[in-house]
Amino acid sequence: MKKRLSISLVAILLLAACGKTYEDRLKECDEVGEFHDGYALCKQGEKYFYIDKKGRKIAGDFDKAGSFANGYAIAWVYEPHDHHQLVVVDKEEKKHIYGAVASFDKVNKYGNLWICLERSAVLERWELLNVETGSPRTPIVNGISSEDEEGNSVVWWKGRAGYMLYNGKGEKMVEDGRFKYMGRIVSGRILFSFEEKKQVENNRKCGYLDTKGRIVIPAQFPSTASEFSNLGYAYYATPGRTILSENDFHYYDTLGRMVSGKERYIAQASFRDDGKWVLGKDDEGRKFFVNNKGEETTLDAGSRLAVFGDIIVSKKGKTYTIYQSTPEEIKKLFTLNGTGNQAEVLAYSPMSKGIELINGRTCETFSLDGSSLGTTQLPVGINMARAYENRKFNFE
């Protein structure tokens, strides 16, 4: 009896020693991702694997892998001569292996995944596959231009007239050949045209579908019409213009209603992805900034404002307040006191990546933490307008 107990104790100790907790994984792995569907993706060296919330390894080792979504994760095992294996891991820790050269990065909520069966310089062949049964849900197509969170997909065929819209189950949502062009799915809208994109642009009219394949905005806009932004706005540019001004962009919402005032500036900002904020005015003339998430902020009521790249300056009386914009916020950096002289110039310094305050022939440069980098005397006879026209702050 004592012998059995001692053997059992040794077995338990061995199991405890082999088991890894989540805290252990945090210490030993190069990367540990967030939990999705109860599993986290870990990277150790050049390999990826999945763990549960107890730290237990449930699947691996993979050369490339993504997080769980809708109960599945997509991973790849690299093999010689580019014969890579696509592996779909499910929540029951089963692996489904398919012959594919590429795939979308997640299985949709209906358990279907777009996989690429063949890829060359002239041809691609894709199909929507059910990962549990391995059976296709759509015919072979030559490309997928878009897939939304619901699994709706815009696809196209080479050498075959028209685009197609499928839902996440693989059901067709529009008639074959009806649309000669369809764009991406954004904000539940799909740009379409009854004419091919290669046709004379001035003759092509564009409208928008919803994800059920219904025309919600008729083909009434010119070929310069855009896809929608994530905030639910699109625009068309005035046709025939080679140089476009801000007033040549005409914005509208997901029902095709033209927008103006503050909403127009929000629409404009929604198309930016550079982290810069758009300066606008509300109906009462008050100035504000808006970013591509639709977030608004107001700086120093009653002040004049100027923007150069990601640097924003407000001017009130003799005082300049310097800000820097990031995608998340407009951060106050420091304040400068000027002279109030009409000829005073504030400019961005590309050399020091700071701010120059010029009064007469005296130029003082400041770093973005507000510290002075020194004062210099400008040459006699310098043309101020020409010297600073491309980098001075123009206050509105």
Protein backbone atom coordinates (compact mmCIF):
# COMPACT_ATOMS: atom_id res chain seq x y z
CA MET A 1 0.00 0.00 0.00
CA LYS A 2 2.81 2.41 0.91
CA LYS A 3 4.54 1.57 -2.37
CA ARG A 4 1.39 2.45 -4.38
CA LEU A 5 0.97 5.75 -2.52
CA SER A 6 4.58 6.72 -3.14
CA ILE A 7 4.27 5.91 -6.87
CA SER A 8 1.04 7.96 -7.11
CA LEU A 9 2.73 10.86 -5.30
CA VAL A 10 5.65 10.78 -7.74
CA ALA A 11 3.21 10.81 -10.69
CA ILE A 12 1.36 13.81 -9.28
CA LEU A 13 4.61 15.66 -8.70
CA LEU A 14 5.75 14.92 -12.25
CA LEU A 15 2.45 16.20 -13.69
CA ALA A 16 2.70 19.36 -11.58
CA ALA A 17 6.23 19.92 -12.80
CA CYS A 18 5.23 19.51 -16.47
CA GLY A 19 2.15 21.74 -16.25
CA LYS A 20 2.49 25.40 -17.23
CA THR A 21 0.39 28.14 -15.71
CA TYR A 22 -0.63 31.33 -17.52
CA GLU A 23 1.93 33.21 -15.39
CA ASP A 24 4.60 30.76 -16.58
CA ARG A 25 3.69 31.47 -20.19
CA LEU A 26 3.99 35.23 -19.61
CA LYS A 27 7.53 34.73 -18.33
CA GLU A 28 8.82 32.27 -20.92
CA CYS A 29 7.11 33.46 -24.14
CA ASP A 30 8.24 36.37 -26.32
CA GLU A 31 4.59 37.38 -26.85
CA VAL A 32 1.30 36.44 -25.18
CA GLY A 33 -1.84 37.83 -26.77
CA GLU A 34 -5.22 38.67 -25.30
CA PHE A 35 -7.82 35.95 -24.79
CA HIS A 36 -10.42 35.50 -27.53
CA ASP A 37 -13.06 32.77 -27.27
CA GLY A 38 -11.15 31.49 -24.23
CA TYR A 39 -7.76 31.07 -25.91
CA ALA A 40 -4.65 33.24 -26.26
CA LEU A 41 -2.02 33.19 -29.00
CA CYS A 42 1.60 32.83 -27.81
CA LYS A 43 4.89 33.22 -29.63
CA GLN A 44 8.07 31.54 -28.47
CA GLY A 45 11.06 31.91 -30.75
CA GLU A 46 9.76 31.56 -34.31
CA LYS A 47 6.76 29.38 -33.44
CA TYR A 48 3.16 30.16 -32.43
CA PHE A 49 0.78 28.13 -30.27
CA TYR A 50 -2.47 28.52 -28.35
CA ILE A 51 -3.13 28.24 -24.62
CA ASP A 52 -6.29 28.14 -22.51
CA LYS A 53 -6.84 30.31 -19.42
CA LYS A 54 -5.00 27.78 -17.25
CA GLY A 55 -1.91 28.12 -19.42
CA ARG A 56 -2.37 24.67 -21.01
CA LYS A 57 -1.10 24.41 -24.59
CA ILE A 58 -3.99 23.28 -26.79
CA ALA A 59 -2.53 23.53 -30.31
CA GLY A 60 0.80 24.28 -32.01
CA ASP A 61 3.47 24.66 -33.25
CA PHE A 62 2.74 26.96 -36.18
CA ASP A 63 4.82 29.24 -38.38
CA LYS A 64 2.05 31.82 -38.68
CA ALA A 65 -1.15 32.19 -36.67
CA GLY A 66 -3.99 34.56 -35.78
CA SER A 67 -6.29 35.00 -32.81
CA PHE A 68 -9.53 33.09 -32.29
CA ALA A 69 -12.72 34.61 -33.70
CA ASN A 70 -16.18 33.03 -34.07
CA GLY A 71 -14.86 29.86 -32.44
CA TYR A 72 -11.93 29.27 -34.85
CA ALA A 73 -8.34 30.37 -35.43
CA ILE A 74 -6.34 30.38 -38.67
CA ALA A 75 -2.77 29.07 -38.63
CA TRP A 76 -0.14 27.95 -41.13
CA VAL A 77 2.62 25.34 -41.15
CA TYR A 78 5.38 26.14 -43.63
CA GLU A 79 6.74 23.24 -45.65
CA PRO A 80 9.49 22.99 -48.30
CA HIS A 81 8.81 24.20 -51.86
CA ASP A 82 5.99 26.50 -50.66
CA HIS A 83 3.67 23.55 -49.97
CA HIS A 84 2.27 25.24 -46.88
CA GLN A 85 -0.58 23.78 -44.82
CA LEU A 86 -3.60 25.82 -43.80
CA VAL A 87 -4.76 24.72 -40.33
CA VAL A 88 -8.07 25.77 -38.76
CA VAL A 89 -8.15 25.19 -35.00
CA ASP A 90 -11.60 25.05 -33.36
CA LYS A 91 -12.77 25.48 -29.75
CA GLU A 92 -12.84 21.71 -29.27
CA GLU A 93 -9.10 21.75 -30.01
CA LYS A 94 -9.53 19.89 -33.30
CA LYS A 95 -7.35 20.73 -36.28
CA HIS A 96 -8.83 20.94 -39.80
CA ILE A 97 -6.15 20.87 -42.51
CA TYR A 98 -6.77 22.09 -46.07
CA GLY A 99 -4.83 22.42 -49.31
CA ALA A 100 -4.72 26.18 -49.86
CA VAL A 101 -2.17 28.82 -50.79
CA ALA A 102 -3.88 31.67 -48.94
CA SER A 103 -6.98 32.46 -46.92
CA PHE A 104 -8.82 35.26 -45.19
CA ASP A 105 -7.69 35.81 -41.60
CA LYS A 106 -10.82 34.54 -39.87
CA VAL A 107 -13.75 32.15 -40.21
CA ASN A 108 -17.08 33.99 -40.42
CA LYS A 109 -19.91 33.51 -37.93
CA TYR A 110 -21.49 30.80 -40.12
CA GLY A 111 -18.34 28.66 -39.98
CA ASN A 112 -17.24 29.53 -43.52
CA LEU A 113 -13.83 30.72 -44.72
CA TRP A 114 -12.59 32.12 -48.03
CA ILE A 115 -9.57 30.08 -49.17
CA CYS A 116 -7.37 30.52 -52.23
CA LEU A 117 -6.82 27.28 -54.15
CA GLU A 118 -4.49 28.70 -56.80
CA ARG A 119 -2.50 31.89 -57.24
CA SER A 120 -0.35 33.01 -60.14
CA ALA A 121 0.61 36.26 -61.84
CA VAL A 122 -2.47 36.05 -64.09
CA LEU A 123 -5.05 34.06 -62.12
CA GLU A 124 -6.44 33.42 -58.66
CA ARG A 125 -9.08 30.86 -57.70
CA TRP A 126 -11.04 31.31 -54.46
CA GLU A 127 -13.99 29.54 -52.84
CA LEU A 128 -16.00 29.89 -49.65
CA LEU A 129 -15.50 26.68 -47.66
CA ASN A 130 -17.31 25.32 -44.62
CA VAL A 131 -14.49 24.43 -42.23
CA GLU A 132 -16.38 21.61 -40.45
CA THR A 133 -17.58 19.71 -43.51
CA GLY A 134 -14.93 20.83 -46.00
CA SER A 135 -17.67 21.48 -48.56
CA PRO A 136 -17.71 24.61 -50.77
CA ARG A 137 -20.48 27.17 -50.32
CA THR A 138 -19.86 29.16 -53.53
CA PRO A 139 -18.58 28.52 -57.06
CA ILE A 140 -14.93 29.29 -57.78
CA VAL A 141 -14.30 33.05 -58.07
CA ASN A 142 -11.21 35.02 -59.10
CA GLY A 143 -11.04 37.54 -56.29
CA ILE A 144 -12.67 38.92 -53.16
CA SER A 145 -12.52 42.68 -52.86
CA SER A 146 -14.22 42.92 -49.47
CA GLU A 147 -15.71 40.98 -46.55
CA ASP A 148 -17.53 42.63 -43.64
CA GLU A 149 -18.03 41.48 -40.04
CA GLU A 150 -21.24 39.65 -40.99
CA GLY A 151 -19.42 37.64 -43.66
CA ASN A 152 -20.96 39.50 -46.63
CA SER A 153 -18.47 39.47 -49.50
CA VAL A 154 -18.00 41.26 -52.82
CA VAL A 155 -16.34 38.97 -55.39
CA TRP A 156 -15.46 39.09 -59.08
CA TRP A 157 -14.63 36.82 -61.99
CA LYS A 158 -11.95 37.38 -64.62
CA GLY A 159 -13.29 37.22 -68.17
CA ARG A 160 -16.87 37.17 -66.92
CA ALA A 161 -19.12 40.22 -66.92
CA GLY A 162 -20.07 41.57 -63.55
CA TYR A 163 -19.42 41.38 -59.84
CA MET A 164 -21.30 39.36 -57.24
CA LEU A 165 -22.38 39.81 -53.62
CA TYR A 166 -22.59 36.75 -51.33
CA ASN A 167 -23.77 36.66 -47.74
CA GLY A 168 -21.86 34.78 -45.04
CA LYS A 169 -23.78 31.56 -45.79
CA GLY A 170 -22.66 31.64 -49.43
CA GLU A 171 -26.03 32.76 -50.81
CA LYS A 172 -26.11 35.11 -53.83
CA MET A 173 -27.60 38.52 -53.03
CA VAL A 174 -27.63 40.06 -56.56
CA GLU A 175 -28.26 38.80 -60.08
CA ASP A 176 -25.36 37.55 -62.21
CA GLY A 177 -23.94 40.25 -64.47
CA ARG A 178 -26.18 43.06 -63.21
CA PHE A 179 -23.35 45.25 -61.91
CA LYS A 180 -20.18 45.85 -63.92
CA TYR A 181 -18.39 47.33 -60.92
CA MET A 182 -18.75 46.99 -57.14
CA GLY A 183 -16.49 48.46 -54.46
CA ARG A 184 -15.75 47.45 -50.88
CA ILE A 185 -18.34 47.08 -48.13
CA VAL A 186 -17.98 50.04 -45.76
CA SER A 187 -20.64 51.34 -43.35
CA GLY A 188 -23.06 48.82 -44.82
CA ARG A 189 -22.83 50.38 -48.30
CA ILE A 190 -21.27 49.19 -51.58
CA LEU A 191 -20.37 51.57 -54.41
CA PHE A 192 -21.70 50.23 -57.73
CA SER A 193 -21.94 51.09 -61.40
CA PHE A 194 -23.86 49.53 -64.28
CA GLU A 195 -20.93 50.41 -66.56
CA GLU A 196 -17.41 49.02 -66.43
CA LYS A 197 -14.85 51.15 -64.61
CA LYS A 198 -12.70 51.31 -67.75
CA GLN A 199 -15.43 53.13 -69.67
CA VAL A 200 -15.19 56.88 -70.24
CA GLU A 201 -15.34 58.16 -66.68
CA ASN A 202 -17.51 61.17 -67.45
CA ASN A 203 -20.31 58.91 -68.70
CA ARG A 204 -20.32 56.49 -65.78
CA LYS A 205 -22.86 56.98 -62.99
CA CYS A 206 -22.47 55.50 -59.52
CA GLY A 207 -24.85 54.53 -56.74
CA TYR A 208 -24.82 52.39 -53.59
CA LEU A 209 -26.17 48.99 -52.51
CA ASP A 210 -26.80 47.69 -49.00
CA THR A 211 -25.55 44.27 -47.91
CA LYS A 212 -28.83 42.65 -49.00
CA GLY A 213 -28.09 43.69 -52.59
CA ARG A 214 -30.76 46.41 -52.61
CA ILE A 215 -30.14 49.75 -54.31
CA VAL A 216 -30.44 52.34 -51.53
CA ILE A 217 -28.89 55.26 -53.45
CA PRO A 218 -29.62 55.23 -57.22
CA ALA A 219 -26.85 55.59 -59.80
CA GLN A 220 -26.94 59.39 -59.74
CA PHE A 221 -23.42 60.45 -58.78
CA PRO A 222 -20.53 60.96 -61.24
CA SER A 223 -17.60 58.56 -61.60
CA THR A 224 -15.66 60.57 -59.01
CA ALA A 225 -17.92 59.15 -56.26
CA SER A 226 -16.04 57.51 -53.39
CA GLU A 227 -16.67 54.50 -51.21
CA PHE A 228 -18.09 55.31 -47.79
CA SER A 229 -15.89 56.05 -44.79
CA ASN A 230 -16.21 54.20 -41.49
CA LEU A 231 -18.22 57.13 -40.09
CA GLY A 232 -20.87 56.73 -42.80
CA TYR A 233 -20.01 59.45 -45.32
CA ALA A 234 -19.07 59.44 -49.00
CA TYR A 235 -18.33 62.21 -51.51
CA TYR A 236 -18.03 63.01 -55.15
CA ALA A 237 -15.56 65.49 -56.60
CA THR A 238 -16.61 68.07 -59.16
CA PRO A 239 -16.05 66.35 -62.53
CA GLY A 240 -13.68 67.83 -65.11
CA ARG A 241 -11.50 69.76 -62.66
CA THR A 242 -7.75 69.15 -62.81
CA ILE A 243 -7.07 71.17 -59.64
CA LEU A 244 -9.56 70.57 -56.85
CA SER A 245 -10.27 72.94 -53.98
CA GLU A 246 -11.99 72.07 -50.71
CA ASN A 247 -15.30 73.27 -52.18
CA ASP A 248 -15.06 70.73 -55.02
CA PHE A 249 -15.76 67.84 -52.63
CA HIS A 250 -19.47 67.21 -52.02
CA TYR A 251 -20.28 64.97 -49.04
CA TYR A 252 -23.40 62.90 -48.33
CA ASP A 253 -24.64 60.32 -45.81
CA THR A 254 -25.68 56.66 -46.22
CA LEU A 255 -29.11 57.72 -47.52
CA GLY A 256 -27.62 60.04 -50.15
CA ARG A 257 -28.50 63.27 -48.30
CA MET A 258 -26.00 66.08 -48.87
CA VAL A 259 -24.42 67.42 -45.67
CA SER A 260 -23.26 70.92 -44.72
CA GLY A 261 -22.05 72.92 -41.73
CA LYS A 262 -20.37 70.99 -38.93
CA GLU A 263 -21.38 67.63 -40.41
CA ARG A 264 -19.47 68.45 -43.58
CA TYR A 265 -16.22 68.88 -41.61
CA ILE A 266 -16.86 65.60 -39.78
CA ALA A 267 -17.37 63.91 -43.15
CA GLN A 268 -14.13 65.43 -44.45
CA ALA A 269 -12.19 64.28 -41.37
CA SER A 270 -13.55 60.73 -41.67
CA PHE A 271 -11.51 60.18 -44.85
CA ARG A 272 -8.18 61.02 -43.21
CA ASP A 273 -5.97 58.28 -41.81
CA ASP A 274 -2.87 60.36 -41.07
CA GLY A 275 -3.71 61.26 -37.48
CA LYS A 276 -4.36 64.92 -38.33
CA TRP A 277 -7.43 66.79 -37.16
CA VAL A 278 -9.59 68.86 -39.49
CA LEU A 279 -10.26 72.50 -38.54
CA GLY A 280 -13.89 73.52 -39.08
CA LYS A 281 -16.58 76.00 -38.06
CA ASP A 282 -20.05 75.37 -36.69
CA ASP A 283 -23.16 77.29 -37.79
CA GLU A 284 -22.37 80.12 -35.34
CA GLY A 285 -18.82 80.46 -36.66
CA ARG A 286 -17.16 78.84 -33.63
CA LYS A 287 -13.99 76.96 -34.57
CA PHE A 288 -13.39 73.34 -33.60
CA PHE A 289 -11.24 70.35 -34.56
CA VAL A 290 -12.55 66.91 -35.47
CA ASN A 291 -10.63 63.67 -36.10
CA ASN A 292 -11.44 60.63 -38.25
CA LYS A 293 -13.35 59.04 -35.36
CA GLY A 294 -15.79 61.94 -35.22
CA GLU A 295 -14.36 63.20 -31.91
CA GLU A 296 -14.46 66.97 -31.50
CA THR A 297 -12.40 69.38 -29.45
CA THR A 298 -12.39 73.18 -29.10
CA LEU A 299 -9.26 75.23 -28.32
CA ASP A 300 -9.10 78.63 -26.62
CA ALA A 301 -12.48 80.22 -27.40
CA GLY A 302 -12.07 83.52 -29.23
CA SER A 303 -8.58 82.74 -30.46
CA ARG A 304 -7.26 82.54 -34.03
CA LEU A 305 -6.01 79.12 -35.13
CA ALA A 306 -3.36 77.82 -37.53
CA VAL A 307 -2.19 74.33 -38.50
CA PHE A 308 1.10 73.07 -39.94
CA GLY A 309 1.33 69.28 -40.19
CA ASP A 310 0.60 67.88 -36.73
CA ILE A 311 1.38 71.21 -34.99
CA ILE A 312 -1.60 73.43 -34.08
CA VAL A 313 -1.21 76.98 -32.75
CA SER A 314 -3.83 79.23 -31.18
CA LYS A 315 -3.20 82.97 -31.00
CA LYS A 316 -4.98 85.24 -28.55
CA GLY A 317 -3.65 88.76 -28.24
CA LYS A 318 0.11 88.45 -27.84
CA THR A 319 0.02 84.83 -26.63
CA TYR A 320 0.65 81.74 -28.77
CA THR A 321 -0.30 78.30 -27.42
CA ILE A 322 1.38 75.35 -29.17
CA TYR A 323 -0.34 71.98 -29.48
CA GLN A 324 0.54 68.68 -31.15
CA SER A 325 -2.10 66.38 -32.59
CA THR A 326 -2.08 62.59 -32.46
CA PRO A 327 -4.90 60.32 -33.68
CA GLU A 328 -6.18 60.17 -30.07
CA GLU A 329 -5.82 63.75 -28.80
CA ILE A 330 -4.64 67.31 -29.24
CA LYS A 331 -1.97 67.75 -26.58
CA LYS A 332 -0.91 71.14 -25.23
CA LEU A 333 2.88 71.58 -25.42
CA PHE A 334 3.79 75.10 -24.29
CA THR A 335 2.93 78.81 -24.47
CA LEU A 336 4.90 81.64 -26.11
CA ASN A 337 4.56 85.36 -25.51
CA GLY A 338 4.97 87.49 -28.61
CA THR A 339 5.03 91.26 -29.10
CA GLY A 340 1.74 91.69 -30.92
CA ASN A 341 3.65 93.32 -33.78
CA GLN A 342 1.74 92.99 -37.07
CA ALA A 343 4.93 91.88 -38.84
CA GLU A 344 5.64 89.13 -36.31
CA VAL A 345 5.87 85.67 -37.89
CA LEU A 346 5.51 82.24 -36.30
CA ALA A 347 6.90 79.39 -38.42
CA TYR A 348 7.75 75.70 -38.27
CA SER A 349 11.46 74.89 -38.34
CA PRO A 350 12.19 71.72 -40.37
CA MET A 351 15.82 71.75 -39.22
CA SER A 352 15.12 71.66 -35.48
CA LYS A 353 11.55 70.30 -35.79
CA GLY A 354 10.57 73.15 -33.52
CA ILE A 355 8.96 76.58 -33.65
CA GLU A 356 10.53 79.85 -34.83
CA LEU A 357 9.30 83.24 -33.57
CA ILE A 358 10.49 86.02 -35.90
CA ASN A 359 10.22 89.68 -35.03
CA GLY A 360 12.04 92.04 -37.35
CA ARG A 361 15.46 90.46 -37.98
CA THR A 362 15.48 88.51 -34.69
CA CYS A 363 14.59 84.81 -34.86
CA GLU A 364 14.30 82.69 -31.70
CA THR A 365 13.83 78.93 -32.07
CA PHE A 366 12.01 76.73 -29.54
CA SER A 367 11.94 72.96 -29.22
CA LEU A 368 8.56 71.27 -28.78
CA ASP A 369 9.09 71.07 -25.01
CA GLY A 370 9.17 74.89 -24.92
CA SER A 371 12.89 75.33 -24.27
CA SER A 372 14.76 77.97 -26.27
CA LEU A 373 17.32 76.66 -28.76
CA GLY A 374 18.88 80.08 -29.25
CA THR A 375 18.44 83.39 -31.05
CA THR A 376 19.88 84.37 -34.43
CA GLN A 377 19.93 87.58 -36.46
CA LEU A 378 18.52 87.28 -39.97
CA PRO A 379 20.50 88.79 -42.87
CA VAL A 380 19.73 92.35 -43.88
CA GLY A 381 17.38 92.59 -46.84
CA ILE A 382 15.84 89.10 -46.43
CA ASN A 383 12.48 88.74 -48.11
CA MET A 384 10.34 87.54 -45.17
CA ALA A 385 7.30 86.65 -47.28
CA ARG A 386 9.37 84.43 -49.57
CA ALA A 387 11.57 82.94 -46.83
CA TYR A 388 8.67 81.71 -44.71
CA GLU A 389 5.75 81.37 -47.11
CA ASN A 390 5.90 77.55 -47.14
CA ARG A 391 6.20 77.02 -43.40
CA LYS A 392 4.65 79.90 -41.51
CA PHE A 393 1.44 79.56 -39.49
CA ASN A 394 -1.43 81.33 -41.25
CA PHE A 395 -3.99 82.23 -38.61
CA GLU A 396 -7.73 82.15 -39.35
